[in-house]
Amino acid sequence: MREVALRQTADGDLVAVDTEARALGEIVTIELLIDSAPALRQMRVVSSCPIVREGMVMHEMRLAPVKGDNGHNGDNGDTENR
């Protein structure tokens, strides 16, 4: 698990910038703080393109919610503590 920068678009998608590229269609899990409580969300990579930031190649990925992700709490069935 690592931290990445996220921003939300006007249509509700999230844009992540990371050092690692992801494949189109790949499902990623992100943890957000909603009302000060952690919440896990399943997101699908819908676009990915390399960018240069501060002399480093980074990857900007647009993420869309996976249909069926209820997103009500941080419990994904794992017993692992986060």
C-alpha atoms as a PDB file:
ATOM      1  CA  MET A   1       0.000   0.000   0.000  1.00  0.00           C
ATOM      2  CA  ARG A   2       1.262   3.483  -0.832  1.00  0.00           C
ATOM      3  CA  GLU A   3       0.016   7.028  -1.055  1.00  0.00           C
ATOM      4  CA  VAL A   4      -0.750   8.706  -4.363  1.00  0.00           C
ATOM      5  CA  ALA A   5      -2.145  12.134  -5.208  1.00  0.00           C
ATOM      6  CA  LEU A   6      -5.842  12.130  -6.148  1.00  0.00           C
ATOM      7  CA  ARG A   7      -8.183  14.779  -7.474  1.00  0.00           C
ATOM      8  CA  GLN A   8     -11.844  14.515  -8.427  1.00  0.00           C
ATOM      9  CA  THR A   9     -13.164  15.563 -11.831  1.00  0.00           C
ATOM     10  CA  ALA A  10     -16.465  17.364 -12.414  1.00  0.00           C
ATOM     11  CA  ASP A  11     -18.096  14.066 -13.481  1.00  0.00           C
ATOM     12  CA  GLY A  12     -17.034  12.236 -10.299  1.00  0.00           C
ATOM     13  CA  ASP A  13     -14.084  10.280 -11.661  1.00  0.00           C
ATOM     14  CA  LEU A  14     -10.807  10.396  -9.769  1.00  0.00           C
ATOM     15  CA  VAL A  15      -7.446  11.192 -11.331  1.00  0.00           C
ATOM     16  CA  ALA A  16      -4.400   9.602  -9.690  1.00  0.00           C
ATOM     17  CA  VAL A  17      -0.758  10.430 -10.349  1.00  0.00           C
ATOM     18  CA  ASP A  18       1.694   7.652  -9.539  1.00  0.00           C
ATOM     19  CA  THR A  19       5.169   6.455 -10.446  1.00  0.00           C
ATOM     20  CA  GLU A  20       3.709   3.113 -11.570  1.00  0.00           C
ATOM     21  CA  ALA A  21       1.588   2.648 -14.692  1.00  0.00           C
ATOM     22  CA  ARG A  22      -1.615   0.617 -14.572  1.00  0.00           C
ATOM     23  CA  ALA A  23      -3.343  -1.246 -17.392  1.00  0.00           C
ATOM     24  CA  LEU A  24      -6.619  -0.012 -18.851  1.00  0.00           C
ATOM     25  CA  GLY A  25      -9.480  -1.879 -17.218  1.00  0.00           C
ATOM     26  CA  GLU A  26      -7.394  -2.826 -14.180  1.00  0.00           C
ATOM     27  CA  ILE A  27      -9.268  -2.709 -10.872  1.00  0.00           C
ATOM     28  CA  VAL A  28      -7.539  -0.899  -8.020  1.00  0.00           C
ATOM     29  CA  THR A  29      -8.635  -0.390  -4.435  1.00  0.00           C
ATOM     30  CA  ILE A  30      -8.278   3.038  -2.920  1.00  0.00           C
ATOM     31  CA  GLU A  31      -8.835   4.126   0.652  1.00  0.00           C
ATOM     32  CA  LEU A  32     -10.477   7.496   1.156  1.00  0.00           C
ATOM     33  CA  LEU A  33     -11.362   9.419   4.283  1.00  0.00           C
ATOM     34  CA  ILE A  34     -15.068  10.208   4.267  1.00  0.00           C
ATOM     35  CA  ASP A  35     -16.371  12.131   7.278  1.00  0.00           C
ATOM     36  CA  SER A  36     -13.071  11.254   9.026  1.00  0.00           C
ATOM     37  CA  ALA A  37     -13.669   7.509   8.569  1.00  0.00           C
ATOM     38  CA  PRO A  38     -11.695   5.286   6.173  1.00  0.00           C
ATOM     39  CA  ALA A  39     -13.659   3.889   3.232  1.00  0.00           C
ATOM     40  CA  LEU A  40     -12.384   1.461   0.599  1.00  0.00           C
ATOM     41  CA  ARG A  41     -13.474   1.952  -3.015  1.00  0.00           C
ATOM     42  CA  GLN A  42     -13.008  -0.309  -6.016  1.00  0.00           C
ATOM     43  CA  MET A  43     -12.035   1.782  -9.051  1.00  0.00           C
ATOM     44  CA  ARG A  44     -11.366   0.854 -12.697  1.00  0.00           C
ATOM     45  CA  VAL A  45      -8.540   2.450 -14.688  1.00  0.00           C
ATOM     46  CA  VAL A  46     -10.268   4.086 -17.677  1.00  0.00           C
ATOM     47  CA  SER A  47      -7.291   6.015 -19.041  1.00  0.00           C
ATOM     48  CA  SER A  48      -3.585   6.192 -18.368  1.00  0.00           C
ATOM     49  CA  CYS A  49      -0.912   8.395 -19.869  1.00  0.00           C
ATOM     50  CA  PRO A  50       2.680   9.230 -19.001  1.00  0.00           C
ATOM     51  CA  ILE A  51       3.450  12.775 -17.883  1.00  0.00           C
ATOM     52  CA  VAL A  52       6.645  14.515 -16.816  1.00  0.00           C
ATOM     53  CA  ARG A  53       6.560  16.166 -13.406  1.00  0.00           C
ATOM     54  CA  GLU A  54       9.641  17.758 -11.845  1.00  0.00           C
ATOM     55  CA  GLY A  55      11.835  15.907 -14.330  1.00  0.00           C
ATOM     56  CA  MET A  56      10.337  12.483 -13.487  1.00  0.00           C
ATOM     57  CA  VAL A  57       8.114  10.317 -15.669  1.00  0.00           C
ATOM     58  CA  MET A  58       4.838   9.784 -13.810  1.00  0.00           C
ATOM     59  CA  HIS A  59       1.560   8.180 -14.860  1.00  0.00           C
ATOM     60  CA  GLU A  60      -1.746  10.023 -14.729  1.00  0.00           C
ATOM     61  CA  MET A  61      -4.666   7.624 -14.472  1.00  0.00           C
ATOM     62  CA  ARG A  62      -8.361   8.382 -14.610  1.00  0.00           C
ATOM     63  CA  LEU A  63     -10.317   6.097 -12.279  1.00  0.00           C
ATOM     64  CA  ALA A  64     -14.053   5.405 -12.429  1.00  0.00           C
ATOM     65  CA  PRO A  65     -16.085   3.644  -9.731  1.00  0.00           C
ATOM     66  CA  VAL A  66     -16.706  -0.045 -10.319  1.00  0.00           C
ATOM     67  CA  LYS A  67     -20.428  -0.721 -10.649  1.00  0.00           C
ATOM     68  CA  GLY A  68     -21.741  -2.655  -7.669  1.00  0.00           C
ATOM     69  CA  ASP A  69     -19.238  -1.167  -5.202  1.00  0.00           C
ATOM     70  CA  ASN A  70     -21.512  -0.149  -2.349  1.00  0.00           C
ATOM     71  CA  GLY A  71     -18.813   1.986  -0.752  1.00  0.00           C
ATOM     72  CA  HIS A  72     -20.514   2.176   2.629  1.00  0.00           C
ATOM     73  CA  ASN A  73     -17.568   1.318   4.842  1.00  0.00           C
ATOM     74  CA  GLY A  74     -13.965   0.232   4.986  1.00  0.00           C
ATOM     75  CA  ASP A  75     -14.747  -3.456   5.530  1.00  0.00           C
ATOM     76  CA  ASN A  76     -13.785  -5.432   2.452  1.00  0.00           C
ATOM     77  CA  GLY A  77     -13.897  -8.812   4.153  1.00  0.00           C
ATOM     78  CA  ASP A  78     -10.154  -8.895   4.833  1.00  0.00           C
ATOM     79  CA  THR A  79      -8.912  -9.595   8.315  1.00  0.00           C
ATOM     80  CA  GLU A  80      -5.819  -7.505   7.684  1.00  0.00           C
ATOM     81  CA  ASN A  81      -5.573  -4.352   9.800  1.00  0.00           C
ATOM     82  CA  ARG A  82      -5.010  -1.141   7.894  1.00  0.00           C
END
